[in-house]
Amino acid sequence: MNSSVTARMSANLLEANYERWLEDPTAIEPAWAAFFEGFELGTAQLEVLGEADQNGAASVKTERGHEEDSEALPDSVHSAFRGRLVSLVYNYRTLGHTQAHINPLDDSPKRNPRLDPIKFGFEEKDFSRRVSTQFFRNGAEMKLGEMISGLDATYSGSIG
């Protein structure tokens, strides 16, 4: 990540960029977007572990005006979902090639069980939920099922 996110930055600049990111993740530089996604992921993990209040971590508002965010669910649920989404993208980026069709003599490659969306805690009902992350297609919003198909095509597709 670019060193534009430093320990000496102004708190006002940090808050302004964070507010812009909450409104539209694509409105700020990718380095800032990655910083805030990582911050939310870390906060979500602390909340799940029940450590957020013990160490003084601030609560993070994750609602961004998407339809699925209008549900009456706690922010920690949205943060946990977002964390699973980022983890899925990261795993496709690092392991997708293991199930790609790269051998022309092999009819079909085996699916890598470590890339199964169910293993990340997603359910069938989640596949129609609209999602986005800066780590895939520049934050374009799409259904989770469409994102998984896109990840498959990008990282696990056929060559040649």
C-alpha atoms as a PDB file:
ATOM      1  CA  MET A   1       0.000   0.000   0.000  1.00  0.00           C
ATOM      2  CA  ASN A   2       1.128   3.531  -0.698  1.00  0.00           C
ATOM      3  CA  SER A   3       2.627   5.404   2.234  1.00  0.00           C
ATOM      4  CA  SER A   4      -0.013   8.136   1.916  1.00  0.00           C
ATOM      5  CA  VAL A   5      -1.615   6.602   5.007  1.00  0.00           C
ATOM      6  CA  THR A   6       0.898   7.537   7.683  1.00  0.00           C
ATOM      7  CA  ALA A   7       0.958   7.924  11.430  1.00  0.00           C
ATOM      8  CA  ARG A   8       1.526  11.686  11.081  1.00  0.00           C
ATOM      9  CA  MET A   9      -1.616  12.416   9.088  1.00  0.00           C
ATOM     10  CA  SER A  10      -4.216  14.871  10.266  1.00  0.00           C
ATOM     11  CA  ALA A  11      -7.161  13.417  12.167  1.00  0.00           C
ATOM     12  CA  ASN A  12      -9.427  15.717  10.156  1.00  0.00           C
ATOM     13  CA  LEU A  13      -8.085  14.306   6.881  1.00  0.00           C
ATOM     14  CA  LEU A  14      -8.574  10.766   8.152  1.00  0.00           C
ATOM     15  CA  GLU A  15     -12.154  11.471   9.214  1.00  0.00           C
ATOM     16  CA  ALA A  16     -12.966  13.284   5.960  1.00  0.00           C
ATOM     17  CA  ASN A  17     -11.650  10.409   3.833  1.00  0.00           C
ATOM     18  CA  TYR A  18     -13.456   7.883   6.018  1.00  0.00           C
ATOM     19  CA  GLU A  19     -16.770   9.729   5.596  1.00  0.00           C
ATOM     20  CA  ARG A  20     -16.219   9.904   1.812  1.00  0.00           C
ATOM     21  CA  TRP A  21     -15.431   6.177   1.802  1.00  0.00           C
ATOM     22  CA  LEU A  22     -18.606   5.381   3.756  1.00  0.00           C
ATOM     23  CA  GLU A  23     -20.635   7.259   1.160  1.00  0.00           C
ATOM     24  CA  ASP A  24     -18.826   5.839  -1.888  1.00  0.00           C
ATOM     25  CA  PRO A  25     -15.791   3.509  -1.615  1.00  0.00           C
ATOM     26  CA  THR A  26     -14.698   4.431  -5.148  1.00  0.00           C
ATOM     27  CA  ALA A  27     -14.559   8.170  -4.375  1.00  0.00           C
ATOM     28  CA  ILE A  28     -11.143   7.937  -2.712  1.00  0.00           C
ATOM     29  CA  GLU A  29      -7.736   6.584  -3.701  1.00  0.00           C
ATOM     30  CA  PRO A  30      -7.477   2.768  -3.706  1.00  0.00           C
ATOM     31  CA  ALA A  31      -4.843   2.889  -0.947  1.00  0.00           C
ATOM     32  CA  TRP A  32      -7.264   4.720   1.333  1.00  0.00           C
ATOM     33  CA  ALA A  33     -10.082   2.327   0.414  1.00  0.00           C
ATOM     34  CA  ALA A  34      -7.875  -0.660   1.257  1.00  0.00           C
ATOM     35  CA  PHE A  35      -6.944   0.983   4.569  1.00  0.00           C
ATOM     36  CA  PHE A  36     -10.583   1.483   5.560  1.00  0.00           C
ATOM     37  CA  GLU A  37     -11.630  -2.014   4.431  1.00  0.00           C
ATOM     38  CA  GLY A  38      -8.819  -3.444   6.543  1.00  0.00           C
ATOM     39  CA  PHE A  39      -9.849  -1.254   9.460  1.00  0.00           C
ATOM     40  CA  GLU A  40     -13.449  -2.490   9.233  1.00  0.00           C
ATOM     41  CA  LEU A  41     -12.312  -6.092   8.950  1.00  0.00           C
ATOM     42  CA  GLY A  42     -10.132  -5.746  12.046  1.00  0.00           C
ATOM     43  CA  THR A  43     -12.902  -4.051  13.991  1.00  0.00           C
ATOM     44  CA  ALA A  44     -15.383  -6.748  12.959  1.00  0.00           C
ATOM     45  CA  GLN A  45     -13.027  -9.435  14.215  1.00  0.00           C
ATOM     46  CA  LEU A  46     -12.678  -7.642  17.556  1.00  0.00           C
ATOM     47  CA  GLU A  47     -16.448  -7.308  17.868  1.00  0.00           C
ATOM     48  CA  VAL A  48     -16.972 -10.990  17.118  1.00  0.00           C
ATOM     49  CA  LEU A  49     -14.412 -11.869  19.776  1.00  0.00           C
ATOM     50  CA  GLY A  50     -16.035  -9.452  22.221  1.00  0.00           C
ATOM     51  CA  GLU A  51     -12.849  -7.421  22.563  1.00  0.00           C
ATOM     52  CA  ALA A  52     -14.009  -4.133  21.037  1.00  0.00           C
ATOM     53  CA  ASP A  53     -15.054  -2.544  24.319  1.00  0.00           C
ATOM     54  CA  GLN A  54     -12.153  -3.958  26.331  1.00  0.00           C
ATOM     55  CA  ASN A  55      -9.436  -2.329  24.263  1.00  0.00           C
ATOM     56  CA  GLY A  56     -11.258   0.908  23.440  1.00  0.00           C
ATOM     57  CA  ALA A  57     -11.861   0.222  19.744  1.00  0.00           C
ATOM     58  CA  ALA A  58     -14.484   2.525  18.289  1.00  0.00           C
ATOM     59  CA  SER A  59     -17.581   1.100  16.698  1.00  0.00           C
ATOM     60  CA  VAL A  60     -17.624   1.405  12.922  1.00  0.00           C
ATOM     61  CA  LYS A  61     -20.660   2.363  10.909  1.00  0.00           C
ATOM     62  CA  THR A  62     -20.739   0.123   7.855  1.00  0.00           C
ATOM     63  CA  GLU A  63     -24.056   1.038   6.278  1.00  0.00           C
ATOM     64  CA  ARG A  64     -23.614   2.577   2.840  1.00  0.00           C
ATOM     65  CA  GLY A  65     -27.167   3.026   1.623  1.00  0.00           C
ATOM     66  CA  HIS A  66     -27.359  -0.326  -0.168  1.00  0.00           C
ATOM     67  CA  GLU A  67     -30.742  -2.033  -0.074  1.00  0.00           C
ATOM     68  CA  GLU A  68     -29.492  -5.009   1.914  1.00  0.00           C
ATOM     69  CA  ASP A  69     -28.018  -2.682   4.525  1.00  0.00           C
ATOM     70  CA  SER A  70     -31.456  -1.322   5.366  1.00  0.00           C
ATOM     71  CA  GLU A  71     -32.197  -4.511   7.291  1.00  0.00           C
ATOM     72  CA  ALA A  72     -32.284  -4.092  11.054  1.00  0.00           C
ATOM     73  CA  LEU A  73     -29.024  -5.928  11.653  1.00  0.00           C
ATOM     74  CA  PRO A  74     -26.174  -4.799  13.895  1.00  0.00           C
ATOM     75  CA  ASP A  75     -23.121  -3.213  12.286  1.00  0.00           C
ATOM     76  CA  SER A  76     -21.026  -6.170  13.447  1.00  0.00           C
ATOM     77  CA  VAL A  77     -23.088  -8.495  11.220  1.00  0.00           C
ATOM     78  CA  HIS A  78     -22.455  -6.271   8.191  1.00  0.00           C
ATOM     79  CA  SER A  79     -18.758  -6.001   9.075  1.00  0.00           C
ATOM     80  CA  ALA A  80     -18.453  -9.768   9.471  1.00  0.00           C
ATOM     81  CA  PHE A  81     -20.136 -10.306   6.086  1.00  0.00           C
ATOM     82  CA  ARG A  82     -17.781  -7.778   4.510  1.00  0.00           C
ATOM     83  CA  GLY A  83     -14.811  -9.529   6.104  1.00  0.00           C
ATOM     84  CA  ARG A  84     -15.903 -12.865   4.621  1.00  0.00           C
ATOM     85  CA  LEU A  85     -16.311 -11.186   1.230  1.00  0.00           C
ATOM     86  CA  VAL A  86     -12.791  -9.718   1.295  1.00  0.00           C
ATOM     87  CA  SER A  87     -11.439 -13.091   2.431  1.00  0.00           C
ATOM     88  CA  LEU A  88     -13.180 -14.855  -0.468  1.00  0.00           C
ATOM     89  CA  VAL A  89     -11.664 -12.440  -2.998  1.00  0.00           C
ATOM     90  CA  TYR A  90      -8.205 -12.777  -1.427  1.00  0.00           C
ATOM     91  CA  ASN A  91      -8.408 -16.577  -1.533  1.00  0.00           C
ATOM     92  CA  TYR A  92      -9.464 -16.567  -5.177  1.00  0.00           C
ATOM     93  CA  ARG A  93      -6.534 -14.288  -5.965  1.00  0.00           C
ATOM     94  CA  THR A  94      -4.065 -16.596  -4.229  1.00  0.00           C
ATOM     95  CA  LEU A  95      -5.605 -20.039  -4.867  1.00  0.00           C
ATOM     96  CA  GLY A  96      -7.790 -19.632  -7.950  1.00  0.00           C
ATOM     97  CA  HIS A  97      -5.118 -21.025 -10.242  1.00  0.00           C
ATOM     98  CA  THR A  98      -5.277 -24.371  -8.397  1.00  0.00           C
ATOM     99  CA  GLN A  99      -8.644 -25.090 -10.012  1.00  0.00           C
ATOM    100  CA  ALA A 100      -7.992 -23.402 -13.362  1.00  0.00           C
ATOM    101  CA  HIS A 101      -8.193 -25.443 -16.550  1.00  0.00           C
ATOM    102  CA  ILE A 102      -4.562 -25.190 -17.648  1.00  0.00           C
ATOM    103  CA  ASN A 103      -3.952 -28.758 -18.833  1.00  0.00           C
ATOM    104  CA  PRO A 104      -5.416 -29.372 -22.312  1.00  0.00           C
ATOM    105  CA  LEU A 105      -5.169 -33.142 -21.770  1.00  0.00           C
ATOM    106  CA  ASP A 106      -7.355 -33.048 -18.656  1.00  0.00           C
ATOM    107  CA  ASP A 107     -11.104 -32.792 -19.237  1.00  0.00           C
ATOM    108  CA  SER A 108     -11.967 -30.831 -16.125  1.00  0.00           C
ATOM    109  CA  PRO A 109      -9.882 -29.720 -13.178  1.00  0.00           C
ATOM    110  CA  LYS A 110     -10.937 -30.529  -9.629  1.00  0.00           C
ATOM    111  CA  ARG A 111     -12.598 -27.778  -7.617  1.00  0.00           C
ATOM    112  CA  ASN A 112     -10.510 -26.534  -4.708  1.00  0.00           C
ATOM    113  CA  PRO A 113     -12.626 -26.995  -1.561  1.00  0.00           C
ATOM    114  CA  ARG A 114     -10.864 -24.014   0.010  1.00  0.00           C
ATOM    115  CA  LEU A 115     -12.658 -21.776  -2.519  1.00  0.00           C
ATOM    116  CA  ASP A 116     -16.160 -23.029  -1.751  1.00  0.00           C
ATOM    117  CA  PRO A 117     -18.282 -19.996  -0.752  1.00  0.00           C
ATOM    118  CA  ILE A 118     -20.092 -22.139   1.826  1.00  0.00           C
ATOM    119  CA  LYS A 119     -16.761 -22.585   3.652  1.00  0.00           C
ATOM    120  CA  PHE A 120     -16.658 -18.790   4.044  1.00  0.00           C
ATOM    121  CA  GLY A 121     -20.039 -18.787   5.763  1.00  0.00           C
ATOM    122  CA  PHE A 122     -22.130 -17.688   2.794  1.00  0.00           C
ATOM    123  CA  GLU A 123     -25.563 -19.217   2.368  1.00  0.00           C
ATOM    124  CA  GLU A 124     -27.653 -19.664  -0.763  1.00  0.00           C
ATOM    125  CA  LYS A 125     -29.755 -16.618   0.175  1.00  0.00           C
ATOM    126  CA  ASP A 126     -26.589 -14.450   0.222  1.00  0.00           C
ATOM    127  CA  PHE A 127     -25.917 -15.079  -3.477  1.00  0.00           C
ATOM    128  CA  SER A 128     -28.578 -12.529  -4.491  1.00  0.00           C
ATOM    129  CA  ARG A 129     -27.261  -9.894  -2.059  1.00  0.00           C
ATOM    130  CA  ARG A 130     -25.621  -6.857  -3.694  1.00  0.00           C
ATOM    131  CA  VAL A 131     -21.956  -6.485  -2.701  1.00  0.00           C
ATOM    132  CA  SER A 132     -18.826  -4.582  -3.660  1.00  0.00           C
ATOM    133  CA  THR A 133     -15.185  -4.435  -2.655  1.00  0.00           C
ATOM    134  CA  GLN A 134     -12.289  -2.365  -3.939  1.00  0.00           C
ATOM    135  CA  PHE A 135     -10.356  -5.593  -4.379  1.00  0.00           C
ATOM    136  CA  PHE A 136     -12.487  -6.813  -7.302  1.00  0.00           C
ATOM    137  CA  ARG A 137     -13.506  -4.884 -10.415  1.00  0.00           C
ATOM    138  CA  ASN A 138     -12.720  -1.495  -8.857  1.00  0.00           C
ATOM    139  CA  GLY A 139     -15.550  -1.707  -6.358  1.00  0.00           C
ATOM    140  CA  ALA A 140     -18.311  -2.319  -8.906  1.00  0.00           C
ATOM    141  CA  GLU A 141     -21.532  -3.324  -7.190  1.00  0.00           C
ATOM    142  CA  MET A 142     -22.953  -6.718  -8.182  1.00  0.00           C
ATOM    143  CA  LYS A 143     -24.737  -9.703  -6.703  1.00  0.00           C
ATOM    144  CA  LEU A 144     -22.556 -12.064  -4.685  1.00  0.00           C
ATOM    145  CA  GLY A 145     -23.337 -14.879  -7.144  1.00  0.00           C
ATOM    146  CA  GLU A 146     -22.152 -12.674 -10.017  1.00  0.00           C
ATOM    147  CA  MET A 147     -18.978 -11.833  -8.105  1.00  0.00           C
ATOM    148  CA  ILE A 148     -18.237 -15.518  -7.529  1.00  0.00           C
ATOM    149  CA  SER A 149     -18.796 -16.244 -11.240  1.00  0.00           C
ATOM    150  CA  GLY A 150     -16.479 -13.348 -12.100  1.00  0.00           C
ATOM    151  CA  LEU A 151     -13.836 -14.591  -9.664  1.00  0.00           C
ATOM    152  CA  ASP A 152     -14.083 -18.051 -11.230  1.00  0.00           C
ATOM    153  CA  ALA A 153     -13.701 -16.655 -14.742  1.00  0.00           C
ATOM    154  CA  THR A 154     -10.817 -14.369 -13.765  1.00  0.00           C
ATOM    155  CA  TYR A 155      -8.734 -16.611 -11.517  1.00  0.00           C
ATOM    156  CA  SER A 156      -9.930 -20.143 -12.305  1.00  0.00           C
ATOM    157  CA  GLY A 157     -10.820 -19.993 -15.978  1.00  0.00           C
ATOM    158  CA  SER A 158      -9.455 -21.841 -18.959  1.00  0.00           C
ATOM    159  CA  ILE A 159      -6.369 -20.798 -20.867  1.00  0.00           C
ATOM    160  CA  GLY A 160      -6.004 -21.272 -24.582  1.00  0.00           C
END
